[in-house]
């Protein structure tokens, strides 16, 4: 079992950057693959990025590739999402999730945070 808490969201102008953090409770963080998803108003939940337990594998949605970077510090029970060159279409609530495998399928994840709002203005 794990509790996840996101932070780092806020308001930023187009072209700016934000770094989101997801802090996990428990002593088994290193055994979980971690991912970021997002959901904009009126839209379905969308995959953003995933990272394996040892960070030897990462995968990004096409619209995020080259702009976003997922990383983790297992000793700190924390996963990060560095977001650069932000666009208004990136505006959404961003959620972190923990599961057995690194996958883009939301249903594979057992634990979810409450989300943090990212708003990108034009």
N, C-alpha and C. Protein backbone atom coordinates (compact mmCIF):
# COMPACT_ATOMS: atom_id res chain seq x y z
N UNK A 1 0.84 -1.18 0.00
CA UNK A 1 0.00 0.00 0.00
C UNK A 1 0.88 1.24 0.00
N UNK A 2 0.39 2.30 -0.65
CA UNK A 2 1.16 3.52 -0.74
C UNK A 2 0.21 4.70 -0.86
N UNK A 3 0.57 5.80 -0.23
CA UNK A 3 -0.13 7.06 -0.37
C UNK A 3 0.71 8.00 -1.23
N UNK A 4 0.07 8.69 -2.17
CA UNK A 4 0.77 9.57 -3.10
C UNK A 4 0.24 10.99 -2.96
N UNK A 5 1.15 11.96 -2.92
CA UNK A 5 0.78 13.37 -2.81
C UNK A 5 1.56 14.17 -3.83
N UNK A 6 0.84 14.79 -4.77
CA UNK A 6 1.47 15.62 -5.80
C UNK A 6 1.65 17.05 -5.31
N UNK A 7 2.64 17.73 -5.87
CA UNK A 7 2.86 19.14 -5.59
C UNK A 7 3.61 19.75 -6.76
N UNK A 8 3.68 21.07 -6.79
CA UNK A 8 4.46 21.78 -7.79
C UNK A 8 3.66 22.40 -8.91
N UNK A 9 2.36 22.17 -8.95
CA UNK A 9 1.54 22.78 -9.97
C UNK A 9 1.37 24.27 -9.75
N UNK A 10 0.80 24.93 -10.74
CA UNK A 10 0.58 26.36 -10.65
C UNK A 10 0.27 26.96 -11.99
N UNK A 11 0.35 28.29 -12.04
CA UNK A 11 0.08 29.06 -13.25
C UNK A 11 1.38 29.48 -13.88
N UNK A 12 1.52 29.23 -15.17
CA UNK A 12 2.74 29.58 -15.89
C UNK A 12 2.37 30.04 -17.30
N UNK A 13 3.16 30.95 -17.85
CA UNK A 13 2.93 31.40 -19.21
C UNK A 13 3.44 30.38 -20.21
N UNK A 14 2.85 30.39 -21.40
CA UNK A 14 3.30 29.51 -22.46
C UNK A 14 4.80 29.67 -22.69
N UNK A 15 5.48 28.54 -22.86
CA UNK A 15 6.92 28.54 -23.01
C UNK A 15 7.68 28.37 -21.72
N UNK A 16 7.00 28.47 -20.60
CA UNK A 16 7.63 28.34 -19.30
C UNK A 16 7.79 26.90 -18.86
N UNK A 17 8.26 26.73 -17.63
CA UNK A 17 8.57 25.41 -17.09
C UNK A 17 7.99 25.24 -15.69
N UNK A 18 7.70 24.01 -15.35
CA UNK A 18 7.30 23.61 -14.01
C UNK A 18 7.90 22.25 -13.72
N UNK A 19 8.16 21.97 -12.45
CA UNK A 19 8.55 20.64 -12.03
C UNK A 19 7.55 20.14 -11.00
N UNK A 20 6.87 19.06 -11.33
CA UNK A 20 5.93 18.43 -10.43
C UNK A 20 6.64 17.36 -9.61
N UNK A 21 6.21 17.20 -8.37
CA UNK A 21 6.74 16.17 -7.50
C UNK A 21 5.60 15.30 -7.00
N UNK A 22 5.89 14.04 -6.76
CA UNK A 22 4.94 13.11 -6.19
C UNK A 22 5.65 12.37 -5.07
N UNK A 23 5.26 12.64 -3.84
CA UNK A 23 5.86 12.01 -2.67
C UNK A 23 5.03 10.82 -2.24
N UNK A 24 5.69 9.70 -2.01
CA UNK A 24 5.02 8.46 -1.65
C UNK A 24 5.35 8.06 -0.23
N UNK A 25 4.37 7.51 0.45
CA UNK A 25 4.58 6.95 1.77
C UNK A 25 4.97 5.48 1.65
N UNK A 26 5.37 4.88 2.76
CA UNK A 26 5.68 3.46 2.78
C UNK A 26 7.14 3.17 2.48
N UNK A 27 7.50 1.91 2.64
CA UNK A 27 8.89 1.47 2.47
C UNK A 27 9.09 0.67 1.19
N UNK A 28 8.07 0.57 0.34
CA UNK A 28 8.13 -0.24 -0.86
C UNK A 28 8.10 0.58 -2.14
N UNK A 29 8.43 1.86 -2.06
CA UNK A 29 8.37 2.74 -3.23
C UNK A 29 9.19 2.19 -4.39
N UNK A 30 10.38 1.66 -4.09
CA UNK A 30 11.27 1.20 -5.15
C UNK A 30 10.74 -0.01 -5.89
N UNK A 31 9.71 -0.66 -5.38
CA UNK A 31 9.12 -1.82 -6.04
C UNK A 31 7.98 -1.45 -6.98
N UNK A 32 7.64 -0.17 -7.06
CA UNK A 32 6.53 0.28 -7.90
C UNK A 32 7.03 1.03 -9.13
N UNK A 33 6.45 0.70 -10.26
CA UNK A 33 6.55 1.58 -11.41
C UNK A 33 5.69 2.81 -11.15
N UNK A 34 6.13 3.96 -11.66
CA UNK A 34 5.42 5.22 -11.43
C UNK A 34 5.10 5.88 -12.75
N UNK A 35 3.94 6.54 -12.80
CA UNK A 35 3.52 7.23 -14.01
C UNK A 35 2.84 8.53 -13.67
N UNK A 36 2.77 9.39 -14.67
CA UNK A 36 1.98 10.62 -14.62
C UNK A 36 0.88 10.55 -15.66
N UNK A 37 -0.31 10.96 -15.25
CA UNK A 37 -1.45 11.13 -16.13
C UNK A 37 -1.99 12.55 -15.95
N UNK A 38 -2.81 12.99 -16.87
CA UNK A 38 -3.44 14.29 -16.73
C UNK A 38 -4.86 14.24 -17.25
N UNK A 39 -5.67 15.18 -16.77
CA UNK A 39 -7.05 15.28 -17.22
C UNK A 39 -7.44 16.74 -17.30
N UNK A 40 -7.77 17.18 -18.50
CA UNK A 40 -8.25 18.54 -18.72
C UNK A 40 -9.76 18.59 -18.55
N UNK A 41 -10.30 19.79 -18.32
CA UNK A 41 -11.75 19.95 -18.17
C UNK A 41 -12.47 19.43 -19.40
N UNK A 42 -13.45 18.58 -19.17
CA UNK A 42 -14.25 18.04 -20.25
C UNK A 42 -13.57 16.98 -21.09
N UNK A 43 -12.37 16.55 -20.69
CA UNK A 43 -11.61 15.57 -21.45
C UNK A 43 -11.39 14.31 -20.63
N UNK A 44 -11.06 13.23 -21.32
CA UNK A 44 -10.74 11.98 -20.65
C UNK A 44 -9.32 12.01 -20.11
N UNK A 45 -9.06 11.16 -19.13
CA UNK A 45 -7.73 11.02 -18.57
C UNK A 45 -6.74 10.60 -19.65
N UNK A 46 -5.56 11.20 -19.64
CA UNK A 46 -4.57 11.02 -20.69
C UNK A 46 -3.23 10.62 -20.09
N UNK A 47 -2.58 9.64 -20.68
CA UNK A 47 -1.25 9.22 -20.25
C UNK A 47 -0.23 10.29 -20.58
N UNK A 48 0.72 10.49 -19.67
CA UNK A 48 1.80 11.47 -19.86
C UNK A 48 3.16 10.78 -19.96
N UNK A 49 3.55 10.04 -18.92
CA UNK A 49 4.88 9.43 -18.88
C UNK A 49 4.91 8.34 -17.84
N UNK A 50 5.82 7.40 -18.00
CA UNK A 50 6.00 6.32 -17.04
C UNK A 50 7.47 6.02 -16.85
N UNK A 51 7.81 5.45 -15.70
CA UNK A 51 9.19 5.10 -15.38
C UNK A 51 9.18 3.80 -14.59
N UNK A 52 10.13 2.92 -14.90
CA UNK A 52 10.21 1.63 -14.24
C UNK A 52 10.80 1.78 -12.84
N UNK A 53 10.80 0.67 -12.10
CA UNK A 53 11.24 0.71 -10.70
C UNK A 53 12.67 1.20 -10.54
N UNK A 54 13.55 0.77 -11.42
CA UNK A 54 14.96 1.15 -11.34
C UNK A 54 15.33 2.28 -12.29
N UNK A 55 14.33 2.86 -12.96
CA UNK A 55 14.51 3.98 -13.89
C UNK A 55 15.30 3.61 -15.14
N UNK A 56 15.39 2.32 -15.43
CA UNK A 56 16.07 1.88 -16.65
C UNK A 56 15.17 1.95 -17.87
N UNK A 57 13.90 2.24 -17.69
CA UNK A 57 12.94 2.34 -18.77
C UNK A 57 12.02 3.53 -18.53
N UNK A 58 11.87 4.37 -19.54
CA UNK A 58 10.90 5.45 -19.52
C UNK A 58 10.16 5.48 -20.85
N UNK A 59 8.95 5.99 -20.81
CA UNK A 59 8.14 6.09 -22.01
C UNK A 59 7.24 7.31 -21.88
N UNK A 60 7.08 8.04 -23.00
CA UNK A 60 6.31 9.27 -23.01
C UNK A 60 5.26 9.26 -24.11
N UNK A 61 4.14 9.92 -23.86
CA UNK A 61 3.20 10.18 -24.92
C UNK A 61 3.85 11.09 -25.96
N UNK A 62 3.44 10.95 -27.22
CA UNK A 62 4.09 11.68 -28.30
C UNK A 62 4.10 13.19 -28.08
N UNK A 63 3.01 13.73 -27.59
CA UNK A 63 2.92 15.18 -27.42
C UNK A 63 3.81 15.70 -26.30
N UNK A 64 4.28 14.82 -25.44
CA UNK A 64 5.14 15.20 -24.33
C UNK A 64 6.62 14.93 -24.61
N UNK A 65 6.90 14.03 -25.54
CA UNK A 65 8.27 13.62 -25.82
C UNK A 65 9.11 14.82 -26.26
N UNK A 66 10.28 14.98 -25.63
CA UNK A 66 11.17 16.08 -25.94
C UNK A 66 10.93 17.31 -25.10
N UNK A 67 9.79 17.39 -24.43
CA UNK A 67 9.47 18.53 -23.56
C UNK A 67 9.42 18.14 -22.09
N UNK A 68 8.95 16.94 -21.81
CA UNK A 68 8.78 16.47 -20.43
C UNK A 68 9.81 15.40 -20.11
N UNK A 69 10.23 15.35 -18.85
CA UNK A 69 11.16 14.33 -18.38
C UNK A 69 10.67 13.78 -17.06
N UNK A 70 10.50 12.47 -16.99
CA UNK A 70 10.14 11.81 -15.75
C UNK A 70 11.40 11.24 -15.11
N UNK A 71 11.49 11.34 -13.79
CA UNK A 71 12.62 10.81 -13.06
C UNK A 71 12.16 10.39 -11.67
N UNK A 72 13.01 9.67 -10.97
CA UNK A 72 12.66 9.26 -9.62
C UNK A 72 13.90 9.22 -8.73
N UNK A 73 13.69 9.45 -7.45
CA UNK A 73 14.71 9.30 -6.42
C UNK A 73 14.14 8.33 -5.40
N UNK A 74 14.51 7.07 -5.54
CA UNK A 74 13.94 6.05 -4.68
C UNK A 74 14.27 6.26 -3.21
N UNK A 75 15.46 6.79 -2.93
CA UNK A 75 15.84 7.04 -1.54
C UNK A 75 14.96 8.10 -0.89
N UNK A 76 14.33 8.96 -1.70
CA UNK A 76 13.44 9.99 -1.18
C UNK A 76 11.97 9.66 -1.41
N UNK A 77 11.68 8.49 -1.94
CA UNK A 77 10.30 8.08 -2.22
C UNK A 77 9.56 9.12 -3.06
N UNK A 78 10.23 9.62 -4.09
CA UNK A 78 9.68 10.72 -4.87
C UNK A 78 9.89 10.49 -6.37
N UNK A 79 8.86 10.81 -7.14
CA UNK A 79 8.95 10.82 -8.59
C UNK A 79 8.68 12.25 -9.06
N UNK A 80 9.34 12.66 -10.15
CA UNK A 80 9.25 14.02 -10.64
C UNK A 80 8.78 14.03 -12.09
N UNK A 81 8.20 15.15 -12.48
CA UNK A 81 7.91 15.41 -13.88
C UNK A 81 8.38 16.82 -14.19
N UNK A 82 9.48 16.93 -14.92
CA UNK A 82 9.99 18.22 -15.37
C UNK A 82 9.29 18.57 -16.67
N UNK A 83 8.62 19.70 -16.71
CA UNK A 83 7.84 20.12 -17.87
C UNK A 83 8.43 21.42 -18.41
N UNK A 84 8.91 21.37 -19.64
CA UNK A 84 9.48 22.53 -20.32
C UNK A 84 8.66 22.87 -21.55
N UNK A 85 8.85 24.08 -22.06
CA UNK A 85 8.15 24.54 -23.26
C UNK A 85 6.66 24.29 -23.17
N UNK A 86 6.08 24.69 -22.06
CA UNK A 86 4.67 24.41 -21.80
C UNK A 86 3.77 25.16 -22.77
N UNK A 87 2.67 24.52 -23.12
CA UNK A 87 1.68 25.05 -24.05
C UNK A 87 0.33 25.13 -23.35
N UNK A 88 -0.56 26.03 -23.80
CA UNK A 88 -1.90 26.08 -23.20
C UNK A 88 -2.62 24.74 -23.18
N UNK A 89 -2.38 23.91 -24.17
CA UNK A 89 -3.01 22.60 -24.23
C UNK A 89 -2.51 21.64 -23.15
N UNK A 90 -1.44 22.02 -22.44
CA UNK A 90 -0.97 21.23 -21.30
C UNK A 90 -1.77 21.49 -20.04
N UNK A 91 -2.66 22.47 -20.06
CA UNK A 91 -3.47 22.79 -18.89
C UNK A 91 -4.33 21.59 -18.50
N UNK A 92 -4.19 21.15 -17.26
CA UNK A 92 -4.89 19.97 -16.78
C UNK A 92 -4.57 19.76 -15.31
N UNK A 93 -5.30 18.83 -14.70
CA UNK A 93 -4.90 18.31 -13.41
C UNK A 93 -3.97 17.13 -13.66
N UNK A 94 -2.81 17.15 -13.04
CA UNK A 94 -1.81 16.11 -13.22
C UNK A 94 -1.81 15.18 -12.02
N UNK A 95 -1.88 13.88 -12.30
CA UNK A 95 -1.94 12.85 -11.28
C UNK A 95 -0.74 11.93 -11.38
N UNK A 96 -0.20 11.51 -10.26
CA UNK A 96 0.79 10.44 -10.28
C UNK A 96 0.12 9.14 -9.86
N UNK A 97 0.69 8.03 -10.30
CA UNK A 97 0.12 6.72 -10.05
C UNK A 97 1.23 5.70 -9.85
N UNK A 98 0.96 4.70 -9.02
CA UNK A 98 1.91 3.63 -8.73
C UNK A 98 1.30 2.29 -9.08
N UNK A 99 2.09 1.42 -9.70
CA UNK A 99 1.60 0.11 -10.09
C UNK A 99 2.72 -0.90 -10.25
N UNK A 100 2.35 -2.10 -10.67
CA UNK A 100 3.30 -3.20 -10.76
C UNK A 100 4.23 -3.07 -11.95
N UNK A 101 3.73 -2.51 -13.06
CA UNK A 101 4.52 -2.40 -14.28
C UNK A 101 4.40 -1.01 -14.86
N UNK A 102 5.42 -0.61 -15.61
CA UNK A 102 5.42 0.68 -16.29
C UNK A 102 4.62 0.55 -17.58
N UNK A 103 3.45 1.16 -17.60
CA UNK A 103 2.56 1.05 -18.74
C UNK A 103 1.74 2.33 -18.88
N UNK A 104 1.25 2.57 -20.08
CA UNK A 104 0.40 3.72 -20.35
C UNK A 104 -1.07 3.45 -20.02
N UNK A 105 -1.40 2.24 -19.62
CA UNK A 105 -2.77 1.86 -19.33
C UNK A 105 -3.13 2.25 -17.90
N UNK A 106 -4.05 3.19 -17.75
CA UNK A 106 -4.41 3.69 -16.43
C UNK A 106 -4.95 2.60 -15.52
N UNK A 107 -5.67 1.64 -16.08
CA UNK A 107 -6.29 0.60 -15.28
C UNK A 107 -5.27 -0.31 -14.61
N UNK A 108 -4.01 -0.26 -15.01
CA UNK A 108 -2.98 -1.10 -14.43
C UNK A 108 -2.45 -0.56 -13.11
N UNK A 109 -2.81 0.65 -12.75
CA UNK A 109 -2.25 1.29 -11.56
C UNK A 109 -3.16 1.12 -10.36
N UNK A 110 -2.56 0.80 -9.24
CA UNK A 110 -3.29 0.51 -8.02
C UNK A 110 -3.50 1.72 -7.13
N UNK A 111 -2.61 2.69 -7.20
CA UNK A 111 -2.65 3.84 -6.30
C UNK A 111 -2.53 5.13 -7.08
N UNK A 112 -3.30 6.14 -6.65
CA UNK A 112 -3.36 7.43 -7.32
C UNK A 112 -3.29 8.55 -6.30
N UNK A 113 -2.62 9.64 -6.68
CA UNK A 113 -2.65 10.84 -5.88
C UNK A 113 -3.90 11.66 -6.15
N UNK A 114 -4.04 12.77 -5.43
CA UNK A 114 -5.20 13.64 -5.56
C UNK A 114 -5.08 14.62 -6.71
N UNK A 115 -3.89 14.80 -7.24
CA UNK A 115 -3.69 15.65 -8.39
C UNK A 115 -3.21 17.05 -8.02
N UNK A 116 -2.55 17.69 -8.97
CA UNK A 116 -2.12 19.08 -8.83
C UNK A 116 -2.44 19.81 -10.13
N UNK A 117 -2.98 21.02 -10.01
CA UNK A 117 -3.45 21.78 -11.16
C UNK A 117 -2.29 22.48 -11.84
N UNK A 118 -2.20 22.32 -13.16
CA UNK A 118 -1.26 23.06 -13.99
C UNK A 118 -2.07 23.89 -14.98
N UNK A 119 -1.84 25.19 -14.98
CA UNK A 119 -2.53 26.09 -15.89
C UNK A 119 -1.49 26.86 -16.69
N UNK A 120 -1.58 26.77 -18.01
CA UNK A 120 -0.65 27.44 -18.91
C UNK A 120 -1.41 28.50 -19.69
N UNK A 121 -1.03 29.75 -19.52
CA UNK A 121 -1.70 30.85 -20.19
C UNK A 121 -0.98 31.22 -21.48
N UNK A 122 -1.73 31.75 -22.43
CA UNK A 122 -1.16 32.16 -23.71
C UNK A 122 -0.74 33.61 -23.68
